[in-house]
Amino acid sequence: MPYSVEDLAQQAGVSTEILEWLSSEIPAGVGQLYEQRIYRKKHGGVREVFKPKRPFDTVSKNLYRSFTRLFSYAAPDHVHGFVRERSTITNASQHLAKKCVLRMDLEDFFPSIGAATIKALLREQGYEGKVADLAVSLVTIGGKLPIGLSTSPLLSNLAFLSTDHSLAKYAQSEGLSFTRYVDDLTFSGDVTDRHSTDIARILDEAGWSVNTRKTVFMRRGGPQYVTGLYVGESDGPRIPRKLKRKMRWVLHVISKFGYDAYMAEFGGGEEGMRRRRLLGWACYIAAVEPDVGFPLLRKFDELVSEGDEEYWDEEYGYDLS
């Protein structure tokens, strides 16, 4: 069903006048409509993260809800990023106790998806002519899909859908397990160099680039990590020992000296370990290893006073608390 500008405004929850004004202002809206944060990547390069302000933030969230309801997208079984009831835990659980785990990462995943690709996707969903151009201007910044807007995760999954199918078909033909979590591709089983070459070729032919610096073969008997979780045992993923030791140390410091001292004297403030982040990490550990996480969660809840604090994820720009 084709949509009109009035339909798009209704989906965005604002008037057509505000929608068209936003469209014209977004290209130069840094500081007014959104914040732009630039982070240096560990292996070189930078990552741009955008944090929208009102009314841009409201429009972005409303469009995400509308797109989720209206779009004909069903996430393939192997896709675990930005999919309801799936997570890093469900992603890692597909690769337990395998002979070899191959991890491959896509280069600049979100910004590599340009406005032309987004327009083609929106046209497939019923947005044509002026309304398609208007919708594109509301979900891209600088002609690219930005990290940080509520609409970007769904649109990135749509943009990668055909490649998802190609990779899943290849993995099945080779007897490999395959999952994708955003730009993190994982294959496991009897994986060889030939497989990584074939996968890179499939991605290249589809217009995606592999970050070769982050391609890793992890063989049985050595460290095997998938989306940050250890997968070397058959009974389930595990939280890395380093993280568990870290959280126990933080709890010890807070118990002995207090939360304020931890934040001021022991590096908690520099690391941004506010109450919501501490509780978020404890909840995550509890979801993976309940015996470890729930005691941490109870103690942090007792020892750290409540506060309305925000945790802004530096990698994807979404509130993970």
Protein backbone atom coordinates (compact mmCIF):
# COMPACT_ATOMS: atom_id res chain seq x y z
CA MET A 1 0.00 0.00 0.00
CA PRO A 2 1.48 3.38 -1.00
CA TYR A 3 1.84 6.02 1.71
CA SER A 4 1.32 9.78 1.47
CA VAL A 5 3.20 12.57 3.24
CA GLU A 6 0.22 12.83 5.59
CA ASP A 7 0.53 9.11 6.37
CA LEU A 8 4.24 9.53 7.14
CA ALA A 9 3.50 12.49 9.43
CA GLN A 10 0.92 10.41 11.27
CA GLN A 11 3.42 7.58 11.63
CA ALA A 12 5.97 10.09 12.98
CA GLY A 13 3.43 11.58 15.40
CA VAL A 14 3.83 15.19 14.21
CA SER A 15 2.29 17.57 11.67
CA THR A 16 3.41 17.63 8.05
CA GLU A 17 4.81 21.13 8.67
CA ILE A 18 7.08 19.91 11.46
CA LEU A 19 8.09 16.86 9.43
CA GLU A 20 9.12 18.95 6.42
CA TRP A 21 10.91 21.45 8.67
CA LEU A 22 12.90 18.63 10.29
CA SER A 23 13.78 17.26 6.87
CA SER A 24 15.29 20.58 5.83
CA GLU A 25 17.10 21.16 9.15
CA ILE A 26 18.65 17.73 9.82
CA PRO A 27 21.67 18.11 7.47
CA ALA A 28 22.95 21.08 9.50
CA GLY A 29 21.25 20.17 12.76
CA VAL A 30 24.27 19.16 14.84
CA GLY A 31 24.03 20.81 18.24
CA GLN A 32 20.38 21.74 17.74
CA LEU A 33 18.61 18.57 16.64
CA TYR A 34 21.27 16.03 17.64
CA GLU A 35 24.64 15.63 19.28
CA GLN A 36 27.49 14.10 17.32
CA ARG A 37 30.09 12.11 19.22
CA ILE A 38 33.27 10.77 17.67
CA TYR A 39 35.11 7.82 19.19
CA ARG A 40 38.45 6.39 18.14
CA LYS A 41 38.38 2.70 17.31
CA LYS A 42 40.91 0.40 18.96
CA HIS A 43 42.31 -0.69 15.62
CA GLY A 44 42.28 2.69 13.90
CA GLY A 45 39.63 4.92 12.40
CA VAL A 46 36.72 6.64 14.13
CA ARG A 47 33.09 5.86 14.90
CA GLU A 48 30.46 8.60 14.69
CA VAL A 49 27.51 8.27 17.07
CA PHE A 50 24.49 10.56 16.91
CA LYS A 51 22.19 11.30 19.83
CA PRO A 52 18.96 12.96 18.66
CA LYS A 53 17.21 15.67 20.67
CA ARG A 54 13.52 16.53 20.68
CA PRO A 55 11.59 16.71 18.43
CA PHE A 56 13.93 14.67 16.22
CA ASP A 57 14.24 11.96 18.88
CA THR A 58 10.45 11.68 19.22
CA VAL A 59 9.99 11.44 15.47
CA SER A 60 12.72 8.79 15.18
CA LYS A 61 11.18 6.64 17.92
CA ASN A 62 7.68 6.97 16.48
CA LEU A 63 8.89 6.04 13.01
CA TYR A 64 10.67 3.00 14.44
CA ARG A 65 7.43 1.82 16.07
CA SER A 66 5.50 2.43 12.87
CA PHE A 67 8.08 0.72 10.66
CA THR A 68 8.13 -2.29 12.98
CA ARG A 69 4.35 -2.58 12.68
CA LEU A 70 4.08 -1.86 8.95
CA PHE A 71 7.16 -3.38 7.34
CA SER A 72 7.15 -6.90 5.95
CA TYR A 73 10.36 -7.98 7.71
CA ALA A 74 10.80 -11.26 9.54
CA ALA A 75 14.28 -11.74 11.01
CA PRO A 76 15.93 -14.97 9.86
CA ASP A 77 16.59 -17.48 12.63
CA HIS A 78 20.33 -16.75 12.60
CA VAL A 79 19.92 -12.97 13.18
CA HIS A 80 20.19 -12.07 16.86
CA GLY A 81 20.94 -8.33 16.87
CA PHE A 82 18.03 -5.90 17.39
CA VAL A 83 15.50 -8.73 17.36
CA ARG A 84 12.97 -9.14 20.17
CA GLU A 85 13.67 -12.08 22.50
CA ARG A 86 17.13 -12.60 20.98
CA SER A 87 20.42 -11.33 22.37
CA THR A 88 24.16 -11.84 22.61
CA ILE A 89 23.30 -14.85 24.79
CA THR A 90 21.09 -16.56 22.19
CA ASN A 91 23.70 -15.67 19.58
CA ALA A 92 26.60 -17.27 21.50
CA SER A 93 24.50 -20.32 22.39
CA GLN A 94 24.55 -21.47 18.76
CA HIS A 95 28.33 -22.05 18.86
CA LEU A 96 28.96 -24.13 21.97
CA ALA A 97 31.88 -26.59 22.12
CA LYS A 98 32.61 -26.45 18.39
CA LYS A 99 35.82 -27.64 16.74
CA CYS A 100 36.52 -24.16 15.43
CA VAL A 101 34.79 -20.78 15.65
CA LEU A 102 35.36 -18.15 12.95
CA ARG A 103 34.48 -14.57 13.76
CA MET A 104 34.31 -11.96 10.99
CA ASP A 105 33.42 -8.30 11.34
CA LEU A 106 31.93 -5.91 8.79
CA GLU A 107 33.73 -2.62 8.15
CA ASP A 108 31.69 0.50 9.07
CA PHE A 109 28.42 -1.43 8.93
CA PHE A 110 25.87 1.34 9.58
CA PRO A 111 27.52 4.21 7.63
CA SER A 112 28.25 1.88 4.70
CA ILE A 113 24.47 1.78 4.11
CA GLY A 114 23.76 4.83 1.98
CA ALA A 115 20.66 6.89 1.26
CA ALA A 116 20.10 5.21 -2.12
CA THR A 117 19.90 1.79 -0.45
CA ILE A 118 17.51 3.09 2.19
CA LYS A 119 15.31 4.69 -0.47
CA ALA A 120 15.10 1.41 -2.37
CA LEU A 121 14.11 -0.41 0.83
CA LEU A 122 11.44 2.17 1.66
CA ARG A 123 10.06 2.02 -1.88
CA GLU A 124 9.65 -1.74 -1.44
CA GLN A 125 7.60 -1.01 1.70
CA GLY A 126 5.24 1.41 -0.07
CA TYR A 127 6.96 4.80 0.20
CA GLU A 128 7.14 6.41 -3.24
CA GLY A 129 8.05 9.74 -4.80
CA LYS A 130 8.17 12.72 -2.44
CA VAL A 131 7.24 10.67 0.62
CA ALA A 132 10.16 8.29 -0.02
CA ASP A 133 12.59 11.23 -0.26
CA LEU A 134 11.11 12.74 2.89
CA ALA A 135 11.39 9.45 4.80
CA VAL A 136 15.00 9.00 3.70
CA SER A 137 15.89 12.49 4.92
CA LEU A 138 14.49 11.61 8.37
CA VAL A 139 16.41 8.34 8.83
CA THR A 140 19.81 9.29 7.36
CA ILE A 141 22.39 11.92 8.24
CA GLY A 142 24.92 13.04 5.66
CA GLY A 143 23.57 10.49 3.20
CA LYS A 144 24.34 7.54 5.49
CA LEU A 145 22.54 5.36 8.00
CA PRO A 146 23.64 6.81 11.36
CA ILE A 147 24.52 4.99 14.55
CA GLY A 148 22.15 6.25 17.24
CA LEU A 149 18.78 6.81 15.57
CA SER A 150 15.98 4.47 16.66
CA THR A 151 15.21 3.60 13.03
CA SER A 152 18.74 2.47 12.13
CA PRO A 153 18.74 -1.07 13.60
CA LEU A 154 15.64 -2.22 11.71
CA LEU A 155 16.77 -0.56 8.48
CA SER A 156 20.23 -2.15 8.78
CA ASN A 157 18.65 -5.59 9.15
CA LEU A 158 16.50 -4.93 6.09
CA ALA A 159 19.52 -3.75 4.09
CA PHE A 160 21.43 -6.93 4.94
CA LEU A 161 18.54 -9.35 4.41
CA SER A 162 19.52 -10.68 0.98
CA THR A 163 23.11 -11.18 2.17
CA ASP A 164 21.78 -12.92 5.29
CA HIS A 165 20.03 -15.43 3.06
CA SER A 166 23.14 -15.97 0.92
CA LEU A 167 25.37 -16.57 3.93
CA ALA A 168 22.84 -18.86 5.62
CA LYS A 169 22.53 -20.94 2.43
CA TYR A 170 26.31 -21.20 2.16
CA ALA A 171 26.72 -22.18 5.84
CA GLN A 172 24.07 -24.86 5.52
CA SER A 173 25.74 -26.30 2.41
CA GLU A 174 29.04 -26.51 4.30
CA GLY A 175 27.58 -27.96 7.50
CA LEU A 176 28.44 -24.86 9.55
CA SER A 177 26.49 -23.03 12.23
CA PHE A 178 26.03 -19.33 11.40
CA THR A 179 24.77 -16.34 13.35
CA ARG A 180 24.88 -12.58 12.92
CA TYR A 181 24.75 -10.02 15.69
CA VAL A 182 24.65 -6.58 13.99
CA ASP A 183 28.03 -6.52 12.14
CA ASP A 184 29.50 -9.52 13.97
CA LEU A 185 29.36 -12.70 11.85
CA THR A 186 30.13 -16.05 13.46
CA PHE A 187 30.58 -19.44 11.82
CA SER A 188 31.41 -22.61 13.70
CA GLY A 189 32.10 -26.26 13.04
CA ASP A 190 34.87 -27.69 10.90
CA VAL A 191 35.85 -24.21 9.68
CA THR A 192 38.86 -23.74 7.37
CA ASP A 193 40.64 -20.92 5.56
CA ARG A 194 38.62 -21.80 2.46
CA HIS A 195 35.43 -20.91 4.28
CA SER A 196 36.69 -17.47 5.30
CA THR A 197 37.74 -16.82 1.69
CA ASP A 198 34.35 -17.91 0.36
CA ILE A 199 32.47 -15.81 2.94
CA ALA A 200 34.57 -12.74 2.17
CA ARG A 201 33.80 -13.21 -1.53
CA ILE A 202 30.04 -13.46 -0.87
CA LEU A 203 30.18 -10.28 1.19
CA ASP A 204 32.30 -8.43 -1.36
CA GLU A 205 29.96 -9.35 -4.21
CA ALA A 206 27.05 -8.03 -2.14
CA GLY A 207 28.83 -4.72 -1.56
CA TRP A 208 30.02 -5.24 2.03
CA SER A 209 33.59 -4.97 3.31
CA VAL A 210 35.23 -7.27 5.86
CA ASN A 211 37.35 -5.75 8.62
CA THR A 212 40.22 -8.22 8.13
CA ARG A 213 41.96 -7.03 11.31
CA LYS A 214 39.12 -8.56 13.31
CA THR A 215 38.87 -11.91 11.49
CA VAL A 216 39.71 -14.57 14.06
CA PHE A 217 39.86 -18.39 14.05
CA MET A 218 39.29 -19.80 17.54
CA ARG A 219 40.01 -23.50 17.85
CA ARG A 220 38.91 -25.97 20.49
CA GLY A 221 41.21 -26.01 23.49
CA GLY A 222 41.95 -22.29 23.25
CA PRO A 223 39.85 -19.21 24.03
CA GLN A 224 36.57 -19.25 22.11
CA TYR A 225 34.43 -16.12 22.51
CA VAL A 226 31.28 -15.13 20.64
CA THR A 227 29.72 -11.70 21.27
CA GLY A 228 31.80 -11.43 24.42
CA LEU A 229 30.82 -14.80 25.92
CA TYR A 230 32.94 -17.93 26.33
CA VAL A 231 31.50 -20.81 24.27
CA GLY A 232 34.05 -23.57 24.89
CA GLU A 233 31.69 -25.67 27.05
CA SER A 234 28.64 -27.56 25.83
CA ASP A 235 26.31 -26.65 28.72
CA GLY A 236 26.01 -22.95 27.88
CA PRO A 237 27.87 -19.69 27.35
CA ARG A 238 29.90 -18.19 30.19
CA ILE A 239 30.78 -14.69 31.31
CA PRO A 240 34.55 -14.05 30.82
CA ARG A 241 36.52 -14.55 34.04
CA LYS A 242 38.05 -11.10 33.69
CA LEU A 243 34.64 -9.44 33.85
CA LYS A 244 33.53 -11.52 36.84
CA ARG A 245 36.72 -10.65 38.71
CA LYS A 246 36.23 -6.97 37.84
CA MET A 247 32.65 -6.85 39.13
CA ARG A 248 33.56 -8.68 42.33
CA TRP A 249 36.39 -6.20 42.90
CA VAL A 250 34.03 -3.26 42.36
CA LEU A 251 31.58 -4.76 44.85
CA HIS A 252 34.40 -5.26 47.38
CA VAL A 253 35.55 -1.63 47.04
CA ILE A 254 32.02 -0.25 47.38
CA SER A 255 31.32 -2.50 50.37
CA LYS A 256 34.52 -1.38 52.13
CA PHE A 257 34.78 2.32 51.22
CA GLY A 258 31.38 3.30 49.82
CA TYR A 259 30.10 4.16 46.36
CA ASP A 260 31.22 7.79 46.41
CA ALA A 261 34.80 6.76 47.25
CA TYR A 262 34.75 4.15 44.50
CA MET A 263 33.64 6.75 41.96
CA ALA A 264 36.15 9.41 43.11
CA GLU A 265 39.20 7.41 44.21
CA PHE A 266 39.07 4.03 42.46
CA GLY A 267 38.29 5.01 38.86
CA GLY A 268 34.55 4.38 38.87
CA GLY A 269 33.78 7.90 37.69
CA GLU A 270 36.27 7.70 34.82
CA GLU A 271 34.75 4.40 33.67
CA GLY A 272 31.20 5.73 33.95
CA MET A 273 30.21 2.98 36.40
CA ARG A 274 27.06 4.68 37.66
CA ARG A 275 24.26 2.86 39.44
CA ARG A 276 22.28 1.97 36.32
CA ARG A 277 25.37 0.66 34.58
CA LEU A 278 26.42 -1.44 37.58
CA LEU A 279 22.92 -2.88 37.84
CA GLY A 280 22.83 -3.43 34.07
CA TRP A 281 26.07 -5.42 34.13
CA ALA A 282 24.85 -7.44 37.14
CA CYS A 283 21.57 -8.20 35.34
CA TYR A 284 23.48 -9.31 32.25
CA ILE A 285 25.75 -11.59 34.30
CA ALA A 286 22.66 -13.00 36.04
CA ALA A 287 21.07 -13.78 32.67
CA VAL A 288 24.12 -15.81 31.65
CA GLU A 289 25.26 -17.17 35.04
CA PRO A 290 22.51 -16.70 37.67
CA ASP A 291 24.62 -17.99 40.58
CA VAL A 292 27.16 -15.22 39.95
CA GLY A 293 24.92 -12.39 38.81
CA PHE A 294 22.02 -12.39 41.26
CA PRO A 295 24.17 -11.95 44.39
CA LEU A 296 25.96 -9.05 42.65
CA LEU A 297 22.63 -7.51 41.70
CA ARG A 298 21.24 -7.70 45.23
CA LYS A 299 24.38 -6.20 46.80
CA PHE A 300 24.69 -3.35 44.27
CA ASP A 301 21.01 -2.55 44.77
CA GLU A 302 21.56 -2.35 48.53
CA LEU A 303 24.80 -0.39 48.48
CA VAL A 304 24.32 2.15 45.67
CA SER A 305 21.66 4.84 46.07
CA GLU A 306 19.12 5.40 43.35
CA GLY A 307 19.68 8.06 40.71
CA ASP A 308 18.32 8.95 37.33
CA GLU A 309 21.54 8.35 35.41
CA GLU A 310 21.94 7.53 31.76
CA TYR A 311 24.30 5.06 30.19
CA TRP A 312 25.08 5.87 26.57
CA ASP A 313 26.65 2.94 24.77
CA GLU A 314 29.71 4.17 22.86
CA GLU A 315 29.54 1.51 20.17
CA TYR A 316 25.94 1.70 18.99
CA GLY A 317 24.56 4.76 20.76
CA TYR A 318 21.65 3.08 22.53
CA ASP A 319 20.70 3.17 26.18
CA LEU A 320 21.67 -0.27 27.49
CA SER A 321 20.64 0.34 31.09
